[in-house]
PDB file of all heavy atoms in Angstrom:
ATOM      1  N   SER A   1       0.823  -1.222  -0.001  1.00  0.00           N
ATOM      2  CA  SER A   1      -0.003   0.009  -0.004  1.00  0.00           C
ATOM      3  C   SER A   1       0.851   1.256   0.016  1.00  0.00           C
ATOM      4  O   SER A   1       0.407   2.338  -0.417  1.00  0.00           O
ATOM      5  CB  SER A   1      -0.920   0.002   1.231  1.00  0.00           C
ATOM      6  OG  SER A   1      -0.216   0.228   2.431  1.00  0.00           O
ATOM      7  N   ARG A   2       2.108   1.135   0.447  1.00  0.00           N
ATOM      8  CA  ARG A   2       3.037   2.256   0.431  1.00  0.00           C
ATOM      9  C   ARG A   2       3.844   2.292  -0.860  1.00  0.00           C
ATOM     10  O   ARG A   2       4.681   3.153  -1.037  1.00  0.00           O
ATOM     11  CB  ARG A   2       4.020   2.100   1.602  1.00  0.00           C
ATOM     12  CG  ARG A   2       3.370   2.070   2.988  1.00  0.00           C
ATOM     13  CD  ARG A   2       4.369   1.630   4.033  1.00  0.00           C
ATOM     14  NE  ARG A   2       3.737   1.529   5.356  1.00  0.00           N
ATOM     15  CZ  ARG A   2       4.299   1.947   6.485  1.00  0.00           C
ATOM     16  NH1 ARG A   2       5.464   2.481   6.458  1.00  0.00           N
ATOM     17  NH2 ARG A   2       3.663   1.840   7.626  1.00  0.00           N
ATOM     18  N   GLY A   3       3.606   1.321  -1.725  1.00  0.00           N
ATOM     19  CA  GLY A   3       4.370   1.262  -2.947  1.00  0.00           C
ATOM     20  C   GLY A   3       5.785   0.783  -2.739  1.00  0.00           C
ATOM     21  O   GLY A   3       6.680   1.029  -3.533  1.00  0.00           O
ATOM     22  N   MET A   4       6.000   0.018  -1.627  1.00  0.00           N
ATOM     23  CA  MET A   4       7.347  -0.452  -1.278  1.00  0.00           C
ATOM     24  C   MET A   4       7.475  -1.917  -1.694  1.00  0.00           C
ATOM     25  O   MET A   4       6.752  -2.789  -1.206  1.00  0.00           O
ATOM     26  CB  MET A   4       7.569  -0.331   0.213  1.00  0.00           C
ATOM     27  CG  MET A   4       8.966  -0.705   0.670  1.00  0.00           C
ATOM     28  SD  MET A   4       9.249  -0.356   2.426  1.00  0.00           S
ATOM     29  CE  MET A   4       9.274   1.442   2.439  1.00  0.00           C
ATOM     30  N   PRO A   5       8.342  -2.202  -2.656  1.00  0.00           N
ATOM     31  CA  PRO A   5       8.522  -3.570  -3.122  1.00  0.00           C
ATOM     32  C   PRO A   5       9.203  -4.449  -2.047  1.00  0.00           C
ATOM     33  O   PRO A   5       9.829  -3.955  -1.097  1.00  0.00           O
ATOM     34  CB  PRO A   5       9.450  -3.436  -4.334  1.00  0.00           C
ATOM     35  CG  PRO A   5      10.177  -2.167  -4.129  1.00  0.00           C
ATOM     36  CD  PRO A   5       9.223  -1.257  -3.391  1.00  0.00           C
ATOM     37  N   TRP A   6       9.022  -5.741  -2.198  1.00  0.00           N
ATOM     38  CA  TRP A   6       9.560  -6.700  -1.237  1.00  0.00           C
ATOM     39  C   TRP A   6      10.051  -7.938  -1.980  1.00  0.00           C
ATOM     40  O   TRP A   6       9.663  -8.191  -3.136  1.00  0.00           O
ATOM     41  CB  TRP A   6       8.535  -7.069  -0.168  1.00  0.00           C
ATOM     42  CG  TRP A   6       7.433  -7.923  -0.668  1.00  0.00           C
ATOM     43  CD1 TRP A   6       6.348  -7.510  -1.426  1.00  0.00           C
ATOM     44  CD2 TRP A   6       7.256  -9.335  -0.472  1.00  0.00           C
ATOM     45  NE1 TRP A   6       5.499  -8.588  -1.696  1.00  0.00           N
ATOM     46  CE2 TRP A   6       6.052  -9.711  -1.123  1.00  0.00           C
ATOM     47  CE3 TRP A   6       7.999 -10.313   0.202  1.00  0.00           C
ATOM     48  CZ2 TRP A   6       5.571 -11.028  -1.141  1.00  0.00           C
ATOM     49  CZ3 TRP A   6       7.536 -11.619   0.201  1.00  0.00           C
ATOM     50  CH2 TRP A   6       6.341 -11.959  -0.442  1.00  0.00           C
ATOM     51  N   GLY A   7      10.934  -8.666  -1.321  1.00  0.00           N
ATOM     52  CA  GLY A   7      11.437  -9.896  -1.921  1.00  0.00           C
ATOM     53  C   GLY A   7      11.926 -10.882  -0.903  1.00  0.00           C
ATOM     54  O   GLY A   7      11.882 -10.617   0.302  1.00  0.00           O
ATOM     55  N   VAL A   8      12.386 -12.039  -1.398  1.00  0.00           N
ATOM     56  CA  VAL A   8      12.828 -13.133  -0.544  1.00  0.00           C
ATOM     57  C   VAL A   8      14.230 -13.538  -0.926  1.00  0.00           C
ATOM     58  O   VAL A   8      14.550 -13.668  -2.107  1.00  0.00           O
ATOM     59  CB  VAL A   8      11.878 -14.355  -0.717  1.00  0.00           C
ATOM     60  CG1 VAL A   8      12.429 -15.534   0.069  1.00  0.00           C
ATOM     61  CG2 VAL A   8      10.444 -14.005  -0.299  1.00  0.00           C
ATOM     62  N   VAL A   9      15.071 -13.713   0.067  1.00  0.00           N
ATOM     63  CA  VAL A   9      16.412 -14.271  -0.114  1.00  0.00           C
ATOM     64  C   VAL A   9      16.603 -15.378   0.896  1.00  0.00           C
ATOM     65  O   VAL A   9      16.634 -15.125   2.091  1.00  0.00           O
ATOM     66  CB  VAL A   9      17.504 -13.197   0.039  1.00  0.00           C
ATOM     67  CG1 VAL A   9      18.884 -13.819  -0.197  1.00  0.00           C
ATOM     68  CG2 VAL A   9      17.314 -12.046  -0.919  1.00  0.00           C
ATOM     69  N   THR A  10      16.665 -16.582   0.421  1.00  0.00           N
ATOM     70  CA  THR A  10      16.719 -17.763   1.276  1.00  0.00           C
ATOM     71  C   THR A  10      17.871 -18.690   0.885  1.00  0.00           C
ATOM     72  O   THR A  10      18.307 -18.677  -0.280  1.00  0.00           O
ATOM     73  CB  THR A  10      15.401 -18.573   1.204  1.00  0.00           C
ATOM     74  OG1 THR A  10      15.506 -19.778   1.952  1.00  0.00           O
ATOM     75  CG2 THR A  10      15.042 -18.924  -0.245  1.00  0.00           C
ATOM     76  N   ASN A  11      18.340 -19.466   1.814  1.00  0.00           N
ATOM     77  CA  ASN A  11      19.342 -20.498   1.474  1.00  0.00           C
ATOM     78  C   ASN A  11      18.690 -21.787   1.044  1.00  0.00           C
ATOM     79  O   ASN A  11      19.364 -22.753   0.714  1.00  0.00           O
ATOM     80  CB  ASN A  11      20.281 -20.750   2.684  1.00  0.00           C
ATOM     81  CG  ASN A  11      21.486 -19.831   2.669  1.00  0.00           C
ATOM     82  OD1 ASN A  11      21.592 -18.931   1.828  1.00  0.00           O
ATOM     83  ND2 ASN A  11      22.378 -20.016   3.618  1.00  0.00           N
ATOM     84  N   LYS A  12      17.369 -21.850   1.065  1.00  0.00           N
ATOM     85  CA  LYS A  12      16.660 -23.024   0.630  1.00  0.00           C
ATOM     86  C   LYS A  12      16.905 -23.223  -0.881  1.00  0.00           C
ATOM     87  O   LYS A  12      16.904 -22.252  -1.662  1.00  0.00           O
ATOM     88  CB  LYS A  12      15.167 -22.776   0.864  1.00  0.00           C
ATOM     89  CG  LYS A  12      14.283 -24.002   0.993  1.00  0.00           C
ATOM     90  CD  LYS A  12      12.858 -23.560   1.190  1.00  0.00           C
ATOM     91  CE  LYS A  12      11.959 -24.662   1.751  1.00  0.00           C
ATOM     92  NZ  LYS A  12      12.156 -24.792   3.212  1.00  0.00           N
ATOM     93  N   SER A  13      17.165 -24.436  -1.274  1.00  0.00           N
ATOM     94  CA  SER A  13      17.418 -24.736  -2.693  1.00  0.00           C
ATOM     95  C   SER A  13      16.195 -24.394  -3.534  1.00  0.00           C
ATOM     96  O   SER A  13      15.045 -24.566  -3.096  1.00  0.00           O
ATOM     97  CB  SER A  13      17.774 -26.196  -2.842  1.00  0.00           C
ATOM     98  OG  SER A  13      17.759 -26.590  -4.194  1.00  0.00           O
ATOM     99  N   SER A  14      16.433 -23.979  -4.774  1.00  0.00           N
ATOM    100  CA  SER A  14      15.327 -23.684  -5.684  1.00  0.00           C
ATOM    101  C   SER A  14      14.455 -24.924  -5.925  1.00  0.00           C
ATOM    102  O   SER A  14      13.273 -24.800  -6.293  1.00  0.00           O
ATOM    103  CB  SER A  14      15.849 -23.142  -6.999  1.00  0.00           C
ATOM    104  OG  SER A  14      16.736 -24.047  -7.591  1.00  0.00           O
ATOM    105  N   ARG A  15      15.014 -26.094  -5.712  1.00  0.00           N
ATOM    106  CA  ARG A  15      14.245 -27.350  -5.810  1.00  0.00           C
ATOM    107  C   ARG A  15      13.026 -27.300  -4.896  1.00  0.00           C
ATOM    108  O   ARG A  15      11.980 -27.870  -5.234  1.00  0.00           O
ATOM    109  CB  ARG A  15      15.164 -28.524  -5.427  1.00  0.00           C
ATOM    110  CG  ARG A  15      14.483 -29.880  -5.283  1.00  0.00           C
ATOM    111  CD  ARG A  15      15.513 -30.927  -4.892  1.00  0.00           C
ATOM    112  NE  ARG A  15      14.913 -32.222  -4.644  1.00  0.00           N
ATOM    113  CZ  ARG A  15      15.601 -33.312  -4.285  1.00  0.00           C
ATOM    114  NH1 ARG A  15      16.913 -33.250  -4.162  1.00  0.00           N
ATOM    115  NH2 ARG A  15      14.964 -34.468  -4.040  1.00  0.00           N
ATOM    116  N   PHE A  16      13.144 -26.610  -3.805  1.00  0.00           N
ATOM    117  CA  PHE A  16      12.050 -26.491  -2.848  1.00  0.00           C
ATOM    118  C   PHE A  16      11.405 -25.102  -2.841  1.00  0.00           C
ATOM    119  O   PHE A  16      10.192 -24.965  -2.757  1.00  0.00           O
ATOM    120  CB  PHE A  16      12.548 -26.838  -1.444  1.00  0.00           C
ATOM    121  CG  PHE A  16      13.303 -28.119  -1.405  1.00  0.00           C
ATOM    122  CD1 PHE A  16      14.680 -28.112  -1.173  1.00  0.00           C
ATOM    123  CD2 PHE A  16      12.683 -29.329  -1.630  1.00  0.00           C
ATOM    124  CE1 PHE A  16      15.397 -29.299  -1.149  1.00  0.00           C
ATOM    125  CE2 PHE A  16      13.388 -30.528  -1.608  1.00  0.00           C
ATOM    126  CZ  PHE A  16      14.742 -30.503  -1.359  1.00  0.00           C
ATOM    127  N   THR A  17      12.234 -24.064  -2.985  1.00  0.00           N
ATOM    128  CA  THR A  17      11.746 -22.712  -2.950  1.00  0.00           C
ATOM    129  C   THR A  17      10.708 -22.465  -4.028  1.00  0.00           C
ATOM    130  O   THR A  17       9.640 -21.884  -3.796  1.00  0.00           O
ATOM    131  CB  THR A  17      12.867 -21.700  -3.083  1.00  0.00           C
ATOM    132  OG1 THR A  17      13.851 -21.918  -2.090  1.00  0.00           O
ATOM    133  CG2 THR A  17      12.344 -20.274  -2.954  1.00  0.00           C
ATOM    134  N   ASP A  18      11.038 -22.863  -5.261  1.00  0.00           N
ATOM    135  CA  ASP A  18      10.144 -22.554  -6.381  1.00  0.00           C
ATOM    136  C   ASP A  18       8.760 -23.172  -6.240  1.00  0.00           C
ATOM    137  O   ASP A  18       7.749 -22.455  -6.333  1.00  0.00           O
ATOM    138  CB  ASP A  18      10.818 -22.969  -7.704  1.00  0.00           C
ATOM    139  CG  ASP A  18      12.040 -22.142  -8.020  1.00  0.00           C
ATOM    140  OD1 ASP A  18      12.253 -21.091  -7.375  1.00  0.00           O
ATOM    141  OD2 ASP A  18      12.794 -22.528  -8.959  1.00  0.00           O
ATOM    142  N   PRO A  19       8.678 -24.492  -6.024  1.00  0.00           N
ATOM    143  CA  PRO A  19       7.293 -25.043  -5.875  1.00  0.00           C
ATOM    144  C   PRO A  19       6.569 -24.550  -4.636  1.00  0.00           C
ATOM    145  O   PRO A  19       5.377 -24.339  -4.672  1.00  0.00           O
ATOM    146  CB  PRO A  19       7.528 -26.562  -5.829  1.00  0.00           C
ATOM    147  CG  PRO A  19       8.955 -26.754  -5.473  1.00  0.00           C
ATOM    148  CD  PRO A  19       9.671 -25.563  -6.024  1.00  0.00           C
ATOM    149  N   LEU A  20       7.312 -24.371  -3.556  1.00  0.00           N
ATOM    150  CA  LEU A  20       6.653 -23.939  -2.306  1.00  0.00           C
ATOM    151  C   LEU A  20       6.065 -22.522  -2.491  1.00  0.00           C
ATOM    152  O   LEU A  20       4.914 -22.303  -2.123  1.00  0.00           O
ATOM    153  CB  LEU A  20       7.673 -23.918  -1.176  1.00  0.00           C
ATOM    154  CG  LEU A  20       7.114 -23.669   0.225  1.00  0.00           C
ATOM    155  CD1 LEU A  20       7.972 -24.392   1.282  1.00  0.00           C
ATOM    156  CD2 LEU A  20       7.072 -22.189   0.565  1.00  0.00           C
ATOM    157  N   THR A  21       6.822 -21.609  -3.077  1.00  0.00           N
ATOM    158  CA  THR A  21       6.317 -20.253  -3.211  1.00  0.00           C
ATOM    159  C   THR A  21       5.235 -20.156  -4.282  1.00  0.00           C
ATOM    160  O   THR A  21       4.353 -19.294  -4.202  1.00  0.00           O
ATOM    161  CB  THR A  21       7.440 -19.263  -3.563  1.00  0.00           C
ATOM    162  OG1 THR A  21       8.180 -19.714  -4.713  1.00  0.00           O
ATOM    163  CG2 THR A  21       8.403 -19.110  -2.388  1.00  0.00           C
ATOM    164  N   ARG A  22       5.250 -21.089  -5.259  1.00  0.00           N
ATOM    165  CA  ARG A  22       4.144 -21.124  -6.227  1.00  0.00           C
ATOM    166  C   ARG A  22       2.860 -21.602  -5.563  1.00  0.00           C
ATOM    167  O   ARG A  22       1.750 -21.181  -5.968  1.00  0.00           O
ATOM    168  CB  ARG A  22       4.482 -22.028  -7.397  1.00  0.00           C
ATOM    169  CG  ARG A  22       5.468 -21.418  -8.393  1.00  0.00           C
ATOM    170  CD  ARG A  22       5.430 -22.184  -9.700  1.00  0.00           C
ATOM    171  NE  ARG A  22       5.864 -23.592  -9.538  1.00  0.00           N
ATOM    172  CZ  ARG A  22       7.115 -23.980  -9.709  1.00  0.00           C
ATOM    173  NH1 ARG A  22       8.088 -23.130 -10.051  1.00  0.00           N
ATOM    174  NH2 ARG A  22       7.463 -25.239  -9.546  1.00  0.00           N
ATOM    175  N   MET A  23       2.979 -22.457  -4.555  1.00  0.00           N
ATOM    176  CA  MET A  23       1.791 -22.980  -3.908  1.00  0.00           C
ATOM    177  C   MET A  23       1.158 -22.028  -2.890  1.00  0.00           C
ATOM    178  O   MET A  23       0.046 -22.240  -2.444  1.00  0.00           O
ATOM    179  CB  MET A  23       2.114 -24.315  -3.221  1.00  0.00           C
ATOM    180  CG  MET A  23       2.318 -25.471  -4.177  1.00  0.00           C
ATOM    181  SD  MET A  23       2.516 -27.086  -3.333  1.00  0.00           S
ATOM    182  CE  MET A  23       4.233 -26.971  -2.814  1.00  0.00           C
ATOM    183  N   MET A  24       1.914 -20.982  -2.504  1.00  0.00           N
ATOM    184  CA  MET A  24       1.437 -20.055  -1.490  1.00  0.00           C
ATOM    185  C   MET A  24       1.183 -18.684  -2.137  1.00  0.00           C
ATOM    186  O   MET A  24       2.128 -18.017  -2.588  1.00  0.00           O
ATOM    187  CB  MET A  24       2.451 -19.964  -0.332  1.00  0.00           C
ATOM    188  CG  MET A  24       2.730 -21.317   0.303  1.00  0.00           C
ATOM    189  SD  MET A  24       3.870 -21.276   1.694  1.00  0.00           S
ATOM    190  CE  MET A  24       2.755 -20.745   3.008  1.00  0.00           C
ATOM    191  N   PRO A  25      -0.059 -18.237  -2.247  1.00  0.00           N
ATOM    192  CA  PRO A  25      -0.414 -16.989  -2.938  1.00  0.00           C
ATOM    193  C   PRO A  25       0.361 -15.762  -2.464  1.00  0.00           C
ATOM    194  O   PRO A  25       0.566 -14.800  -3.238  1.00  0.00           O
ATOM    195  CB  PRO A  25      -1.914 -16.851  -2.665  1.00  0.00           C
ATOM    196  CG  PRO A  25      -2.377 -18.247  -2.444  1.00  0.00           C
ATOM    197  CD  PRO A  25      -1.262 -18.949  -1.725  1.00  0.00           C
ATOM    198  N   LEU A  26       0.796 -15.763  -1.207  1.00  0.00           N
ATOM    199  CA  LEU A  26       1.520 -14.606  -0.660  1.00  0.00           C
ATOM    200  C   LEU A  26       2.641 -14.174  -1.589  1.00  0.00           C
ATOM    201  O   LEU A  26       2.889 -12.964  -1.759  1.00  0.00           O
ATOM    202  CB  LEU A  26       2.098 -14.965   0.714  1.00  0.00           C
ATOM    203  CG  LEU A  26       3.048 -13.938   1.326  1.00  0.00           C
ATOM    204  CD1 LEU A  26       2.294 -12.736   1.831  1.00  0.00           C
ATOM    205  CD2 LEU A  26       3.852 -14.580   2.484  1.00  0.00           C
ATOM    206  N   PHE A  27       3.335 -15.104  -2.176  1.00  0.00           N
ATOM    207  CA  PHE A  27       4.582 -14.805  -2.881  1.00  0.00           C
ATOM    208  C   PHE A  27       4.381 -14.300  -4.319  1.00  0.00           C
ATOM    209  O   PHE A  27       5.356 -13.953  -4.987  1.00  0.00           O
ATOM    210  CB  PHE A  27       5.506 -16.018  -2.840  1.00  0.00           C
ATOM    211  CG  PHE A  27       5.907 -16.396  -1.460  1.00  0.00           C
ATOM    212  CD1 PHE A  27       5.215 -17.398  -0.766  1.00  0.00           C
ATOM    213  CD2 PHE A  27       6.865 -15.691  -0.763  1.00  0.00           C
ATOM    214  CE1 PHE A  27       5.541 -17.730   0.520  1.00  0.00           C
ATOM    215  CE2 PHE A  27       7.204 -16.002   0.539  1.00  0.00           C
ATOM    216  CZ  PHE A  27       6.538 -17.017   1.183  1.00  0.00           C
ATOM    217  N   ALA A  28       3.128 -14.249  -4.781  1.00  0.00           N
ATOM    218  CA  ALA A  28       2.875 -13.791  -6.150  1.00  0.00           C
ATOM    219  C   ALA A  28       3.318 -12.332  -6.331  1.00  0.00           C
ATOM    220  O   ALA A  28       3.674 -11.928  -7.440  1.00  0.00           O
ATOM    221  CB  ALA A  28       1.411 -13.936  -6.473  1.00  0.00           C
ATOM    222  N   SER A  29       3.331 -11.560  -5.245  1.00  0.00           N
ATOM    223  CA  SER A  29       3.663 -10.129  -5.365  1.00  0.00           C
ATOM    224  C   SER A  29       5.145  -9.842  -5.059  1.00  0.00           C
ATOM    225  O   SER A  29       5.538  -8.662  -5.108  1.00  0.00           O
ATOM    226  CB  SER A  29       2.766  -9.314  -4.411  1.00  0.00           C
ATOM    227  OG  SER A  29       3.000  -9.681  -3.054  1.00  0.00           O
ATOM    228  N   ALA A  30       5.914 -10.858  -4.778  1.00  0.00           N
ATOM    229  CA  ALA A  30       7.328 -10.629  -4.494  1.00  0.00           C
ATOM    230  C   ALA A  30       8.077 -10.131  -5.723  1.00  0.00           C
ATOM    231  O   ALA A  30       7.920 -10.675  -6.812  1.00  0.00           O
ATOM    232  CB  ALA A  30       7.965 -11.923  -3.988  1.00  0.00           C
ATOM    233  N   GLY A  31       8.899  -9.105  -5.515  1.00  0.00           N
ATOM    234  CA  GLY A  31       9.660  -8.543  -6.603  1.00  0.00           C
ATOM    235  C   GLY A  31      10.894  -9.395  -7.006  1.00  0.00           C
ATOM    236  O   GLY A  31      11.394  -9.252  -8.100  1.00  0.00           O
ATOM    237  N   ALA A  32      11.302 -10.241  -6.077  1.00  0.00           N
ATOM    238  CA  ALA A  32      12.440 -11.136  -6.334  1.00  0.00           C
ATOM    239  C   ALA A  32      12.382 -12.278  -5.345  1.00  0.00           C
ATOM    240  O   ALA A  32      12.009 -12.090  -4.182  1.00  0.00           O
ATOM    241  CB  ALA A  32      13.787 -10.367  -6.155  1.00  0.00           C
ATOM    242  N   ILE A  33      12.672 -13.480  -5.852  1.00  0.00           N
ATOM    243  CA  ILE A  33      12.835 -14.640  -4.965  1.00  0.00           C
ATOM    244  C   ILE A  33      14.163 -15.274  -5.318  1.00  0.00           C
ATOM    245  O   ILE A  33      14.292 -15.842  -6.423  1.00  0.00           O
ATOM    246  CB  ILE A  33      11.664 -15.608  -5.125  1.00  0.00           C
ATOM    247  CG1 ILE A  33      10.333 -14.964  -4.727  1.00  0.00           C
ATOM    248  CG2 ILE A  33      11.916 -16.876  -4.298  1.00  0.00           C
ATOM    249  CD1 ILE A  33       9.106 -15.859  -4.877  1.00  0.00           C
ATOM    250  N   VAL A  34      15.101 -15.194  -4.420  1.00  0.00           N
ATOM    251  CA  VAL A  34      16.441 -15.718  -4.661  1.00  0.00           C
ATOM    252  C   VAL A  34      16.700 -16.888  -3.710  1.00  0.00           C
ATOM    253  O   VAL A  34      16.555 -16.742  -2.482  1.00  0.00           O
ATOM    254  CB  VAL A  34      17.489 -14.603  -4.404  1.00  0.00           C
ATOM    255  CG1 VAL A  34      18.917 -15.160  -4.556  1.00  0.00           C
ATOM    256  CG2 VAL A  34      17.282 -13.438  -5.403  1.00  0.00           C
ATOM    257  N   SER A  35      17.060 -18.007  -4.294  1.00  0.00           N
ATOM    258  CA  SER A  35      17.289 -19.221  -3.499  1.00  0.00           C
ATOM    259  C   SER A  35      18.762 -19.409  -3.209  1.00  0.00           C
ATOM    260  O   SER A  35      19.615 -18.681  -3.700  1.00  0.00           O
ATOM    261  CB  SER A  35      16.771 -20.451  -4.267  1.00  0.00           C
ATOM    262  OG  SER A  35      15.370 -20.364  -4.504  1.00  0.00           O
ATOM    263  N   GLY A  36      19.060 -20.431  -2.422  1.00  0.00           N
ATOM    264  CA  GLY A  36      20.442 -20.686  -2.023  1.00  0.00           C
ATOM    265  C   GLY A  36      21.362 -21.068  -3.157  1.00  0.00           C
ATOM    266  O   GLY A  36      22.571 -20.930  -3.049  1.00  0.00           O
ATOM    267  N   ASP A  37      20.762 -21.574  -4.265  1.00  0.00           N
ATOM    268  CA  ASP A  37      21.584 -21.967  -5.422  1.00  0.00           C
ATOM    269  C   ASP A  37      21.327 -21.048  -6.639  1.00  0.00           C
ATOM    270  O   ASP A  37      21.737 -21.391  -7.755  1.00  0.00           O
ATOM    271  CB  ASP A  37      21.323 -23.407  -5.793  1.00  0.00           C
ATOM    272  CG  ASP A  37      19.839 -23.726  -6.016  1.00  0.00           C
ATOM    273  OD1 ASP A  37      19.010 -22.816  -5.774  1.00  0.00           O
ATOM    274  OD2 ASP A  37      19.508 -24.847  -6.397  1.00  0.00           O
ATOM    275  N   THR A  38      20.706 -19.915  -6.425  1.00  0.00           N
ATOM    276  CA  THR A  38      20.475 -18.966  -7.525  1.00  0.00           C
ATOM    277  C   THR A  38      21.787 -18.354  -7.972  1.00  0.00           C
ATOM    278  O   THR A  38      22.009 -18.146  -9.172  1.00  0.00           O
ATOM    279  CB  THR A  38      19.506 -17.849  -7.098  1.00  0.00           C
ATOM    280  OG1 THR A  38      18.236 -18.442  -6.727  1.00  0.00           O
ATOM    281  CG2 THR A  38      19.283 -16.857  -8.214  1.00  0.00           C
ATOM    282  N   THR A  39      22.681 -18.069  -7.054  1.00  0.00           N
ATOM    283  CA  THR A  39      24.005 -17.513  -7.325  1.00  0.00           C
ATOM    284  C   THR A  39      25.050 -18.527  -6.892  1.00  0.00           C
ATOM    285  O   THR A  39      24.731 -19.526  -6.232  1.00  0.00           O
ATOM    286  CB  THR A  39      24.231 -16.187  -6.590  1.00  0.00           C
ATOM    287  OG1 THR A  39      24.472 -16.451  -5.196  1.00  0.00           O
ATOM    288  CG2 THR A  39      23.035 -15.226  -6.728  1.00  0.00           C
ATOM    289  N   PRO A  40      26.313 -18.315  -7.259  1.00  0.00           N
ATOM    290  CA  PRO A  40      27.372 -19.268  -6.862  1.00  0.00           C
ATOM    291  C   PRO A  40      27.582 -19.325  -5.335  1.00  0.00           C
ATOM    292  O   PRO A  40      28.253 -20.246  -4.832  1.00  0.00           O
ATOM    293  CB  PRO A  40      28.602 -18.741  -7.565  1.00  0.00           C
ATOM    294  CG  PRO A  40      28.093 -17.923  -8.685  1.00  0.00           C
ATOM    295  CD  PRO A  40      26.841 -17.285  -8.184  1.00  0.00           C
ATOM    296  N   HIS A  41      26.990 -18.381  -4.614  1.00  0.00           N
ATOM    297  CA  HIS A  41      27.214 -18.325  -3.176  1.00  0.00           C
ATOM    298  C   HIS A  41      25.893 -18.296  -2.442  1.00  0.00           C
ATOM    299  O   HIS A  41      24.894 -17.750  -2.954  1.00  0.00           O
ATOM    300  CB  HIS A  41      28.030 -17.090  -2.793  1.00  0.00           C
ATOM    301  CG  HIS A  41      29.329 -16.966  -3.475  1.00  0.00           C
ATOM    302  ND1 HIS A  41      30.432 -17.688  -3.137  1.00  0.00           N
ATOM    303  CD2 HIS A  41      29.711 -16.222  -4.575  1.00  0.00           C
ATOM    304  CE1 HIS A  41      31.434 -17.391  -3.908  1.00  0.00           C
ATOM    305  NE2 HIS A  41      31.017 -16.489  -4.785  1.00  0.00           N
ATOM    306  N   ALA A  42      25.857 -18.832  -1.229  1.00  0.00           N
ATOM    307  CA  ALA A  42      24.704 -18.736  -0.349  1.00  0.00           C
ATOM    308  C   ALA A  42      25.086 -17.868   0.851  1.00  0.00           C
ATOM    309  O   ALA A  42      26.239 -17.558   1.056  1.00  0.00           O
ATOM    310  CB  ALA A  42      24.296 -20.152   0.148  1.00  0.00           C
TER     311      ALA A  42
END
């Protein structure tokens, strides 16, 4: 409501992060979802 974007940075592997966040409507508005294996480092 303030126009402030939000996102997620987790060490959870995308193997789990991606399906879990797709199953939970809350995450549809996230501006970024970064998993533990999205970059070379966690």
